[in-house]
Amino acid sequence: MTRLPDRLQVWIDARTRHHLSDAHVQMARELGLNPKKLGKLGSHRQEPWKASLPEFIEGLYMKRFGKRRPDVVLSMEARPRMDEGRKAPKRELRRRRAGDVQG
């Protein structure tokens, strides 16, 4: 298995630490939340008025995007494979163009 970039590994660590689903992680990323600060946003025993972290993320997502969940949910482990599949044709096109210019 290939090593994930650090920017994605931070989100994987936050997912396990805060018991979030892949959908919640994706929503938090789309909202621009900082994965290192998610602990502050969730409720604790001494703060019973706060919503739990998944509920808080869902509420923010609903407020900003007007829907409860993203249309397509990808796990953090599947995201680099999708990015690679999208970048490969562009990379090949650039390689061909560079060969045309040099030749």
PDB file of N, CA and C in Angstrom:
ATOM      1  N   MET A   1       0.844  -1.186   0.000  1.00  0.00           N
ATOM      2  CA  MET A   1       0.000   0.000   0.000  1.00  0.00           C
ATOM      3  C   MET A   1       0.884   1.242   0.000  1.00  0.00           C
ATOM      4  N   THR A   2       0.507   2.237  -0.777  1.00  0.00           N
ATOM      5  CA  THR A   2       1.278   3.464  -0.833  1.00  0.00           C
ATOM      6  C   THR A   2       0.980   4.318   0.386  1.00  0.00           C
ATOM      7  N   ARG A   3       1.965   5.100   0.758  1.00  0.00           N
ATOM      8  CA  ARG A   3       1.814   5.977   1.914  1.00  0.00           C
ATOM      9  C   ARG A   3       0.936   7.161   1.519  1.00  0.00           C
ATOM     10  N   LEU A   4       0.024   7.527   2.378  1.00  0.00           N
ATOM     11  CA  LEU A   4      -0.878   8.647   2.118  1.00  0.00           C
ATOM     12  C   LEU A   4      -0.166   9.964   2.406  1.00  0.00           C
ATOM     13  N   PRO A   5      -0.517  11.019   1.705  1.00  0.00           N
ATOM     14  CA  PRO A   5       0.064  12.335   2.009  1.00  0.00           C
ATOM     15  C   PRO A   5      -0.305  12.764   3.430  1.00  0.00           C
ATOM     16  N   ASP A   6       0.552  13.567   4.025  1.00  0.00           N
ATOM     17  CA  ASP A   6       0.320  14.013   5.401  1.00  0.00           C
ATOM     18  C   ASP A   6      -0.990  14.777   5.546  1.00  0.00           C
ATOM     19  N   ARG A   7      -1.389  15.522   4.506  1.00  0.00           N
ATOM     20  CA  ARG A   7      -2.629  16.301   4.593  1.00  0.00           C
ATOM     21  C   ARG A   7      -3.844  15.394   4.724  1.00  0.00           C
ATOM     22  N   LEU A   8      -3.766  14.165   4.200  1.00  0.00           N
ATOM     23  CA  LEU A   8      -4.864  13.214   4.346  1.00  0.00           C
ATOM     24  C   LEU A   8      -4.714  12.379   5.614  1.00  0.00           C
ATOM     25  N   GLN A   9      -3.478  12.094   6.005  1.00  0.00           N
ATOM     26  CA  GLN A   9      -3.240  11.293   7.205  1.00  0.00           C
ATOM     27  C   GLN A   9      -3.771  11.999   8.447  1.00  0.00           C
ATOM     28  N   VAL A  10      -3.687  13.314   8.482  1.00  0.00           N
ATOM     29  CA  VAL A  10      -4.208  14.085   9.613  1.00  0.00           C
ATOM     30  C   VAL A  10      -5.712  13.859   9.755  1.00  0.00           C
ATOM     31  N   TRP A  11      -6.411  13.807   8.615  1.00  0.00           N
ATOM     32  CA  TRP A  11      -7.858  13.581   8.652  1.00  0.00           C
ATOM     33  C   TRP A  11      -8.184  12.155   9.078  1.00  0.00           C
ATOM     34  N   ILE A  12      -7.378  11.190   8.685  1.00  0.00           N
ATOM     35  CA  ILE A  12      -7.604   9.801   9.101  1.00  0.00           C
ATOM     36  C   ILE A  12      -7.431   9.677  10.605  1.00  0.00           C
ATOM     37  N   ASP A  13      -6.405  10.342  11.146  1.00  0.00           N
ATOM     38  CA  ASP A  13      -6.196  10.327  12.592  1.00  0.00           C
ATOM     39  C   ASP A  13      -7.366  10.974  13.322  1.00  0.00           C
ATOM     40  N   ALA A  14      -7.869  12.086  12.789  1.00  0.00           N
ATOM     41  CA  ALA A  14      -9.015  12.769  13.412  1.00  0.00           C
ATOM     42  C   ALA A  14     -10.262  11.899  13.343  1.00  0.00           C
ATOM     43  N   ARG A  15     -10.419  11.154  12.252  1.00  0.00           N
ATOM     44  CA  ARG A  15     -11.586  10.274  12.105  1.00  0.00           C
ATOM     45  C   ARG A  15     -11.596   9.210  13.195  1.00  0.00           C
ATOM     46  N   THR A  16     -10.454   8.598  13.451  1.00  0.00           N
ATOM     47  CA  THR A  16     -10.414   7.555  14.481  1.00  0.00           C
ATOM     48  C   THR A  16     -10.493   8.158  15.883  1.00  0.00           C
ATOM     49  N   ARG A  17      -9.840   9.289  16.108  1.00  0.00           N
ATOM     50  CA  ARG A  17      -9.821   9.900  17.434  1.00  0.00           C
ATOM     51  C   ARG A  17     -11.207  10.364  17.867  1.00  0.00           C
ATOM     52  N   HIS A  18     -11.984  10.899  16.928  1.00  0.00           N
ATOM     53  CA  HIS A  18     -13.287  11.472  17.268  1.00  0.00           C
ATOM     54  C   HIS A  18     -14.456  10.586  16.838  1.00  0.00           C
ATOM     55  N   HIS A  19     -14.171   9.373  16.387  1.00  0.00           N
ATOM     56  CA  HIS A  19     -15.200   8.399  16.002  1.00  0.00           C
ATOM     57  C   HIS A  19     -16.148   8.966  14.946  1.00  0.00           C
ATOM     58  N   LEU A  20     -15.572   9.499  13.866  1.00  0.00           N
ATOM     59  CA  LEU A  20     -16.367  10.080  12.793  1.00  0.00           C
ATOM     60  C   LEU A  20     -16.480   9.103  11.629  1.00  0.00           C
ATOM     61  N   SER A  21     -17.520   9.245  10.848  1.00  0.00           N
ATOM     62  CA  SER A  21     -17.665   8.435   9.644  1.00  0.00           C
ATOM     63  C   SER A  21     -16.947   9.128   8.490  1.00  0.00           C
ATOM     64  N   ASP A  22     -16.818   8.418   7.371  1.00  0.00           N
ATOM     65  CA  ASP A  22     -16.198   9.014   6.189  1.00  0.00           C
ATOM     66  C   ASP A  22     -17.005  10.207   5.699  1.00  0.00           C
ATOM     67  N   ALA A  23     -18.325  10.134   5.819  1.00  0.00           N
ATOM     68  CA  ALA A  23     -19.175  11.245   5.392  1.00  0.00           C
ATOM     69  C   ALA A  23     -18.920  12.481   6.260  1.00  0.00           C
ATOM     70  N   HIS A  24     -18.784  12.287   7.565  1.00  0.00           N
ATOM     71  CA  HIS A  24     -18.533  13.423   8.452  1.00  0.00           C
ATOM     72  C   HIS A  24     -17.181  14.052   8.166  1.00  0.00           C
ATOM     73  N   VAL A  25     -16.182  13.235   7.884  1.00  0.00           N
ATOM     74  CA  VAL A  25     -14.858  13.762   7.566  1.00  0.00           C
ATOM     75  C   VAL A  25     -14.919  14.562   6.266  1.00  0.00           C
ATOM     76  N   GLN A  26     -15.621  14.038   5.278  1.00  0.00           N
ATOM     77  CA  GLN A  26     -15.728  14.748   4.006  1.00  0.00           C
ATOM     78  C   GLN A  26     -16.477  16.069   4.182  1.00  0.00           C
ATOM     79  N   MET A  27     -17.538  16.062   4.982  1.00  0.00           N
ATOM     80  CA  MET A  27     -18.275  17.298   5.229  1.00  0.00           C
ATOM     81  C   MET A  27     -17.386  18.320   5.935  1.00  0.00           C
ATOM     82  N   ALA A  28     -16.617  17.872   6.929  1.00  0.00           N
ATOM     83  CA  ALA A  28     -15.734  18.779   7.662  1.00  0.00           C
ATOM     84  C   ALA A  28     -14.679  19.363   6.736  1.00  0.00           C
ATOM     85  N   ARG A  29     -14.147  18.559   5.825  1.00  0.00           N
ATOM     86  CA  ARG A  29     -13.157  19.051   4.869  1.00  0.00           C
ATOM     87  C   ARG A  29     -13.773  20.089   3.932  1.00  0.00           C
ATOM     88  N   GLU A  30     -14.990  19.819   3.450  1.00  0.00           N
ATOM     89  CA  GLU A  30     -15.653  20.761   2.553  1.00  0.00           C
ATOM     90  C   GLU A  30     -15.989  22.074   3.263  1.00  0.00           C
ATOM     91  N   LEU A  31     -16.238  21.987   4.562  1.00  0.00           N
ATOM     92  CA  LEU A  31     -16.519  23.188   5.342  1.00  0.00           C
ATOM     93  C   LEU A  31     -15.251  23.967   5.672  1.00  0.00           C
ATOM     94  N   GLY A  32     -14.094  23.340   5.500  1.00  0.00           N
ATOM     95  CA  GLY A  32     -12.831  24.011   5.781  1.00  0.00           C
ATOM     96  C   GLY A  32     -12.423  23.952   7.239  1.00  0.00           C
ATOM     97  N   LEU A  33     -12.924  22.967   7.970  1.00  0.00           N
ATOM     98  CA  LEU A  33     -12.560  22.840   9.376  1.00  0.00           C
ATOM     99  C   LEU A  33     -11.132  22.319   9.510  1.00  0.00           C
ATOM    100  N   ASN A  34     -10.492  22.676  10.611  1.00  0.00           N
ATOM    101  CA  ASN A  34      -9.136  22.234  10.898  1.00  0.00           C
ATOM    102  C   ASN A  34      -9.206  20.911  11.658  1.00  0.00           C
ATOM    103  N   PRO A  35      -8.605  19.832  11.143  1.00  0.00           N
ATOM    104  CA  PRO A  35      -8.718  18.538  11.823  1.00  0.00           C
ATOM    105  C   PRO A  35      -8.067  18.525  13.205  1.00  0.00           C
ATOM    106  N   LYS A  36      -7.102  19.389  13.421  1.00  0.00           N
ATOM    107  CA  LYS A  36      -6.427  19.422  14.719  1.00  0.00           C
ATOM    108  C   LYS A  36      -7.273  20.109  15.789  1.00  0.00           C
ATOM    109  N   LYS A  37      -8.292  20.861  15.377  1.00  0.00           N
ATOM    110  CA  LYS A  37      -9.121  21.616  16.322  1.00  0.00           C
ATOM    111  C   LYS A  37     -10.509  21.005  16.518  1.00  0.00           C
ATOM    112  N   LEU A  38     -10.744  19.818  15.982  1.00  0.00           N
ATOM    113  CA  LEU A  38     -12.070  19.221  16.084  1.00  0.00           C
ATOM    114  C   LEU A  38     -12.456  18.889  17.525  1.00  0.00           C
ATOM    115  N   GLY A  39     -11.498  18.596  18.366  1.00  0.00           N
ATOM    116  CA  GLY A  39     -11.783  18.259  19.760  1.00  0.00           C
ATOM    117  C   GLY A  39     -12.462  19.384  20.505  1.00  0.00           C
ATOM    118  N   LYS A  40     -12.151  20.611  20.166  1.00  0.00           N
ATOM    119  CA  LYS A  40     -12.763  21.772  20.823  1.00  0.00           C
ATOM    120  C   LYS A  40     -14.234  21.917  20.456  1.00  0.00           C
ATOM    121  N   LEU A  41     -14.590  21.448  19.258  1.00  0.00           N
ATOM    122  CA  LEU A  41     -15.944  21.680  18.756  1.00  0.00           C
ATOM    123  C   LEU A  41     -16.966  20.698  19.312  1.00  0.00           C
ATOM    124  N   GLY A  42     -16.522  19.518  19.704  1.00  0.00           N
ATOM    125  CA  GLY A  42     -17.440  18.496  20.200  1.00  0.00           C
ATOM    126  C   GLY A  42     -17.836  18.743  21.642  1.00  0.00           C
ATOM    127  N   SER A  43     -18.876  18.047  22.078  1.00  0.00           N
ATOM    128  CA  SER A  43     -19.346  18.210  23.459  1.00  0.00           C
ATOM    129  C   SER A  43     -18.518  17.333  24.396  1.00  0.00           C
ATOM    130  N   HIS A  44     -18.444  17.765  25.631  1.00  0.00           N
ATOM    131  CA  HIS A  44     -17.771  17.019  26.680  1.00  0.00           C
ATOM    132  C   HIS A  44     -18.736  16.927  27.856  1.00  0.00           C
ATOM    133  N   ARG A  45     -18.385  16.156  28.840  1.00  0.00           N
ATOM    134  CA  ARG A  45     -19.298  15.978  29.984  1.00  0.00           C
ATOM    135  C   ARG A  45     -19.638  17.294  30.664  1.00  0.00           C
ATOM    136  N   GLN A  46     -18.674  18.192  30.721  1.00  0.00           N
ATOM    137  CA  GLN A  46     -18.908  19.458  31.415  1.00  0.00           C
ATOM    138  C   GLN A  46     -19.626  20.472  30.542  1.00  0.00           C
ATOM    139  N   GLU A  47     -19.885  20.119  29.284  1.00  0.00           N
ATOM    140  CA  GLU A  47     -20.556  21.037  28.370  1.00  0.00           C
ATOM    141  C   GLU A  47     -21.791  20.362  27.760  1.00  0.00           C
ATOM    142  N   PRO A  48     -22.814  20.101  28.584  1.00  0.00           N
ATOM    143  CA  PRO A  48     -23.971  19.359  28.082  1.00  0.00           C
ATOM    144  C   PRO A  48     -24.808  20.134  27.060  1.00  0.00           C
ATOM    145  N   TRP A  49     -24.624  21.451  26.959  1.00  0.00           N
ATOM    146  CA  TRP A  49     -25.402  22.229  26.004  1.00  0.00           C
ATOM    147  C   TRP A  49     -24.878  22.110  24.578  1.00  0.00           C
ATOM    148  N   LYS A  50     -23.651  21.632  24.435  1.00  0.00           N
ATOM    149  CA  LYS A  50     -23.063  21.508  23.103  1.00  0.00           C
ATOM    150  C   LYS A  50     -23.595  20.273  22.389  1.00  0.00           C
ATOM    151  N   ALA A  51     -23.684  20.376  21.069  1.00  0.00           N
ATOM    152  CA  ALA A  51     -24.054  19.213  20.253  1.00  0.00           C
ATOM    153  C   ALA A  51     -22.824  18.321  20.094  1.00  0.00           C
ATOM    154  N   SER A  52     -23.068  17.050  19.840  1.00  0.00           N
ATOM    155  CA  SER A  52     -21.942  16.153  19.591  1.00  0.00           C
ATOM    156  C   SER A  52     -21.263  16.583  18.293  1.00  0.00           C
ATOM    157  N   LEU A  53     -20.028  16.168  18.091  1.00  0.00           N
ATOM    158  CA  LEU A  53     -19.264  16.603  16.927  1.00  0.00           C
ATOM    159  C   LEU A  53     -19.935  16.218  15.604  1.00  0.00           C
ATOM    160  N   PRO A  54     -20.423  14.965  15.434  1.00  0.00           N
ATOM    161  CA  PRO A  54     -21.111  14.651  14.173  1.00  0.00           C
ATOM    162  C   PRO A  54     -22.350  15.513  13.936  1.00  0.00           C
ATOM    163  N   GLU A  55     -23.132  15.772  14.989  1.00  0.00           N
ATOM    164  CA  GLU A  55     -24.316  16.619  14.851  1.00  0.00           C
ATOM    165  C   GLU A  55     -23.928  18.051  14.496  1.00  0.00           C
ATOM    166  N   PHE A  56     -22.847  18.541  15.099  1.00  0.00           N
ATOM    167  CA  PHE A  56     -22.374  19.890  14.833  1.00  0.00           C
ATOM    168  C   PHE A  56     -21.953  20.032  13.366  1.00  0.00           C
ATOM    169  N   ILE A  57     -21.204  19.050  12.867  1.00  0.00           N
ATOM    170  CA  ILE A  57     -20.754  19.085  11.472  1.00  0.00           C
ATOM    171  C   ILE A  57     -21.948  19.017  10.529  1.00  0.00           C
ATOM    172  N   GLU A  58     -22.920  18.139  10.832  1.00  0.00           N
ATOM    173  CA  GLU A  58     -24.110  18.029   9.986  1.00  0.00           C
ATOM    174  C   GLU A  58     -24.891  19.338   9.956  1.00  0.00           C
ATOM    175  N   GLY A  59     -25.002  19.992  11.108  1.00  0.00           N
ATOM    176  CA  GLY A  59     -25.718  21.264  11.175  1.00  0.00           C
ATOM    177  C   GLY A  59     -25.048  22.349  10.344  1.00  0.00           C
ATOM    178  N   LEU A  60     -23.730  22.451  10.456  1.00  0.00           N
ATOM    179  CA  LEU A  60     -23.000  23.436   9.665  1.00  0.00           C
ATOM    180  C   LEU A  60     -23.128  23.146   8.172  1.00  0.00           C
ATOM    181  N   TYR A  61     -23.045  21.861   7.813  1.00  0.00           N
ATOM    182  CA  TYR A  61     -23.123  21.471   6.401  1.00  0.00           C
ATOM    183  C   TYR A  61     -24.505  21.815   5.840  1.00  0.00           C
ATOM    184  N   MET A  62     -25.540  21.546   6.614  1.00  0.00           N
ATOM    185  CA  MET A  62     -26.903  21.846   6.184  1.00  0.00           C
ATOM    186  C   MET A  62     -27.084  23.353   5.992  1.00  0.00           C
ATOM    187  N   LYS A  63     -26.524  24.119   6.911  1.00  0.00           N
ATOM    188  CA  LYS A  63     -26.653  25.567   6.852  1.00  0.00           C
ATOM    189  C   LYS A  63     -25.936  26.138   5.626  1.00  0.00           C
ATOM    190  N   ARG A  64     -24.741  25.619   5.321  1.00  0.00           N
ATOM    191  CA  ARG A  64     -23.966  26.177   4.215  1.00  0.00           C
ATOM    192  C   ARG A  64     -24.401  25.651   2.860  1.00  0.00           C
ATOM    193  N   PHE A  65     -24.627  24.333   2.747  1.00  0.00           N
ATOM    194  CA  PHE A  65     -24.885  23.728   1.443  1.00  0.00           C
ATOM    195  C   PHE A  65     -26.341  23.366   1.198  1.00  0.00           C
ATOM    196  N   GLY A  66     -27.177  23.403   2.227  1.00  0.00           N
ATOM    197  CA  GLY A  66     -28.598  23.139   2.046  1.00  0.00           C
ATOM    198  C   GLY A  66     -28.946  21.676   1.842  1.00  0.00           C
ATOM    199  N   LYS A  67     -28.057  20.777   2.203  1.00  0.00           N
ATOM    200  CA  LYS A  67     -28.349  19.339   2.127  1.00  0.00           C
ATOM    201  C   LYS A  67     -27.693  18.645   3.307  1.00  0.00           C
ATOM    202  N   ARG A  68     -28.223  17.466   3.630  1.00  0.00           N
ATOM    203  CA  ARG A  68     -27.755  16.773   4.828  1.00  0.00           C
ATOM    204  C   ARG A  68     -26.402  16.106   4.656  1.00  0.00           C
ATOM    205  N   ARG A  69     -26.111  15.588   3.470  1.00  0.00           N
ATOM    206  CA  ARG A  69     -24.855  14.872   3.230  1.00  0.00           C
ATOM    207  C   ARG A  69     -24.351  15.164   1.829  1.00  0.00           C
ATOM    208  N   PRO A  70     -23.069  14.929   1.584  1.00  0.00           N
ATOM    209  CA  PRO A  70     -22.547  15.082   0.222  1.00  0.00           C
ATOM    210  C   PRO A  70     -23.173  14.051  -0.709  1.00  0.00           C
ATOM    211  N   ASP A  71     -23.227  14.371  -1.990  1.00  0.00           N
ATOM    212  CA  ASP A  71     -23.818  13.455  -2.960  1.00  0.00           C
ATOM    213  C   ASP A  71     -22.998  12.179  -3.081  1.00  0.00           C
ATOM    214  N   VAL A  72     -21.684  12.314  -3.157  1.00  0.00           N
ATOM    215  CA  VAL A  72     -20.791  11.158  -3.272  1.00  0.00           C
ATOM    216  C   VAL A  72     -19.824  11.197  -2.101  1.00  0.00           C
ATOM    217  N   VAL A  73     -19.783  10.116  -1.323  1.00  0.00           N
ATOM    218  CA  VAL A  73     -18.902  10.040  -0.163  1.00  0.00           C
ATOM    219  C   VAL A  73     -17.749   9.097  -0.493  1.00  0.00           C
ATOM    220  N   LEU A  74     -16.527   9.596  -0.334  1.00  0.00           N
ATOM    221  CA  LEU A  74     -15.329   8.787  -0.555  1.00  0.00           C
ATOM    222  C   LEU A  74     -14.562   8.677   0.746  1.00  0.00           C
ATOM    223  N   SER A  75     -13.986   7.522   0.984  1.00  0.00           N
ATOM    224  CA  SER A  75     -13.141   7.375   2.159  1.00  0.00           C
ATOM    225  C   SER A  75     -11.813   8.077   1.907  1.00  0.00           C
ATOM    226  N   MET A  76     -11.104   8.387   2.954  1.00  0.00           N
ATOM    227  CA  MET A  76      -9.825   9.074   2.811  1.00  0.00           C
ATOM    228  C   MET A  76      -8.808   8.183   2.109  1.00  0.00           C
ATOM    229  N   GLU A  77      -8.940   6.876   2.267  1.00  0.00           N
ATOM    230  CA  GLU A  77      -8.009   5.959   1.620  1.00  0.00           C
ATOM    231  C   GLU A  77      -8.268   5.863   0.112  1.00  0.00           C
ATOM    232  N   ALA A  78      -9.514   6.064  -0.321  1.00  0.00           N
ATOM    233  CA  ALA A  78      -9.857   5.975  -1.741  1.00  0.00           C
ATOM    234  C   ALA A  78      -9.568   7.270  -2.488  1.00  0.00           C
ATOM    235  N   ARG A  79      -9.461   8.360  -1.781  1.00  0.00           N
ATOM    236  CA  ARG A  79      -9.263   9.663  -2.415  1.00  0.00           C
ATOM    237  C   ARG A  79      -7.975   9.750  -3.243  1.00  0.00           C
ATOM    238  N   PRO A  80      -6.817   9.294  -2.764  1.00  0.00           N
ATOM    239  CA  PRO A  80      -5.604   9.378  -3.600  1.00  0.00           C
ATOM    240  C   PRO A  80      -5.714   8.556  -4.881  1.00  0.00           C
ATOM    241  N   ARG A  81      -6.386   7.417  -4.835  1.00  0.00           N
ATOM    242  CA  ARG A  81      -6.569   6.614  -6.050  1.00  0.00           C
ATOM    243  C   ARG A  81      -7.417   7.368  -7.062  1.00  0.00           C
ATOM    244  N   MET A  82      -8.445   8.061  -6.598  1.00  0.00           N
ATOM    245  CA  MET A  82      -9.288   8.834  -7.496  1.00  0.00           C
ATOM    246  C   MET A  82      -8.499  10.000  -8.091  1.00  0.00           C
ATOM    247  N   ASP A  83      -7.715  10.676  -7.253  1.00  0.00           N
ATOM    248  CA  ASP A  83      -6.900  11.790  -7.736  1.00  0.00           C
ATOM    249  C   ASP A  83      -5.900  11.315  -8.779  1.00  0.00           C
ATOM    250  N   GLU A  84      -5.289  10.171  -8.548  1.00  0.00           N
ATOM    251  CA  GLU A  84      -4.310   9.634  -9.496  1.00  0.00           C
ATOM    252  C   GLU A  84      -4.965   9.306 -10.827  1.00  0.00           C
ATOM    253  N   GLY A  85      -6.153   8.738 -10.801  1.00  0.00           N
ATOM    254  CA  GLY A  85      -6.869   8.422 -12.026  1.00  0.00           C
ATOM    255  C   GLY A  85      -7.252   9.669 -12.808  1.00  0.00           C
ATOM    256  N   ARG A  86      -7.479  10.759 -12.102  1.00  0.00           N
ATOM    257  CA  ARG A  86      -7.846  12.011 -12.750  1.00  0.00           C
ATOM    258  C   ARG A  86      -6.614  12.737 -13.298  1.00  0.00           C
ATOM    259  N   LYS A  87      -5.465  12.587 -12.627  1.00  0.00           N
ATOM    260  CA  LYS A  87      -4.262  13.303 -13.032  1.00  0.00           C
ATOM    261  C   LYS A  87      -3.492  12.592 -14.137  1.00  0.00           C
ATOM    262  N   ALA A  88      -3.641  11.289 -14.260  1.00  0.00           N
ATOM    263  CA  ALA A  88      -2.853  10.519 -15.230  1.00  0.00           C
ATOM    264  C   ALA A  88      -3.052  11.000 -16.672  1.00  0.00           C
ATOM    265  N   PRO A  89      -4.275  11.215 -17.158  1.00  0.00           N
ATOM    266  CA  PRO A  89      -4.426  11.696 -18.544  1.00  0.00           C
ATOM    267  C   PRO A  89      -3.777  13.063 -18.775  1.00  0.00           C
ATOM    268  N   LYS A  90      -3.885  13.955 -17.800  1.00  0.00           N
ATOM    269  CA  LYS A  90      -3.261  15.271 -17.940  1.00  0.00           C
ATOM    270  C   LYS A  90      -1.745  15.145 -18.003  1.00  0.00           C
ATOM    271  N   ARG A  91      -1.200  14.265 -17.174  1.00  0.00           N
ATOM    272  CA  ARG A  91       0.245  14.048 -17.154  1.00  0.00           C
ATOM    273  C   ARG A  91       0.729  13.509 -18.499  1.00  0.00           C
ATOM    274  N   GLU A  92      -0.020  12.566 -19.054  1.00  0.00           N
ATOM    275  CA  GLU A  92       0.336  11.988 -20.347  1.00  0.00           C
ATOM    276  C   GLU A  92       0.259  13.042 -21.460  1.00  0.00           C
ATOM    277  N   LEU A  93      -0.749  13.898 -21.421  1.00  0.00           N
ATOM    278  CA  LEU A  93      -0.886  14.952 -22.411  1.00  0.00           C
ATOM    279  C   LEU A  93       0.294  15.922 -22.340  1.00  0.00           C
ATOM    280  N   ARG A  94       0.693  16.299 -21.123  1.00  0.00           N
ATOM    281  CA  ARG A  94       1.848  17.181 -20.956  1.00  0.00           C
ATOM    282  C   ARG A  94       3.121  16.534 -21.480  1.00  0.00           C
ATOM    283  N   ARG A  95       3.274  15.245 -21.217  1.00  0.00           N
ATOM    284  CA  ARG A  95       4.454  14.516 -21.674  1.00  0.00           C
ATOM    285  C   ARG A  95       4.515  14.511 -23.206  1.00  0.00           C
ATOM    286  N   ARG A  96       3.370  14.305 -23.839  1.00  0.00           N
ATOM    287  CA  ARG A  96       3.327  14.308 -25.306  1.00  0.00           C
ATOM    288  C   ARG A  96       3.647  15.687 -25.866  1.00  0.00           C
ATOM    289  N   ARG A  97       3.084  16.726 -25.250  1.00  0.00           N
ATOM    290  CA  ARG A  97       3.339  18.089 -25.718  1.00  0.00           C
ATOM    291  C   ARG A  97       4.812  18.442 -25.572  1.00  0.00           C
ATOM    292  N   ALA A  98       5.416  18.043 -24.458  1.00  0.00           N
ATOM    293  CA  ALA A  98       6.837  18.333 -24.228  1.00  0.00           C
ATOM    294  C   ALA A  98       7.687  17.614 -25.276  1.00  0.00           C
ATOM    295  N   GLY A  99       7.285  16.406 -25.658  1.00  0.00           N
ATOM    296  CA  GLY A  99       8.010  15.670 -26.685  1.00  0.00           C
ATOM    297  C   GLY A  99       7.885  16.324 -28.042  1.00  0.00           C
ATOM    298  N   ASP A 100       6.717  16.903 -28.362  1.00  0.00           N
ATOM    299  CA  ASP A 100       6.507  17.595 -29.626  1.00  0.00           C
ATOM    300  C   ASP A 100       7.347  18.857 -29.721  1.00  0.00           C
ATOM    301  N   VAL A 101       7.472  19.568 -28.602  1.00  0.00           N
ATOM    302  CA  VAL A 101       8.221  20.823 -28.598  1.00  0.00           C
ATOM    303  C   VAL A 101       9.715  20.537 -28.770  1.00  0.00           C
ATOM    304  N   GLN A 102      10.223  19.500 -28.098  1.00  0.00           N
ATOM    305  CA  GLN A 102      11.641  19.182 -28.172  1.00  0.00           C
ATOM    306  C   GLN A 102      12.023  18.615 -29.531  1.00  0.00           C
ATOM    307  N   GLY A 103      11.118  17.802 -30.142  1.00  0.00           N
ATOM    308  CA  GLY A 103      11.445  17.104 -31.370  1.00  0.00           C
ATOM    309  C   GLY A 103      11.312  17.935 -32.549  1.00  0.00           C
TER     310      GLY A 103
END
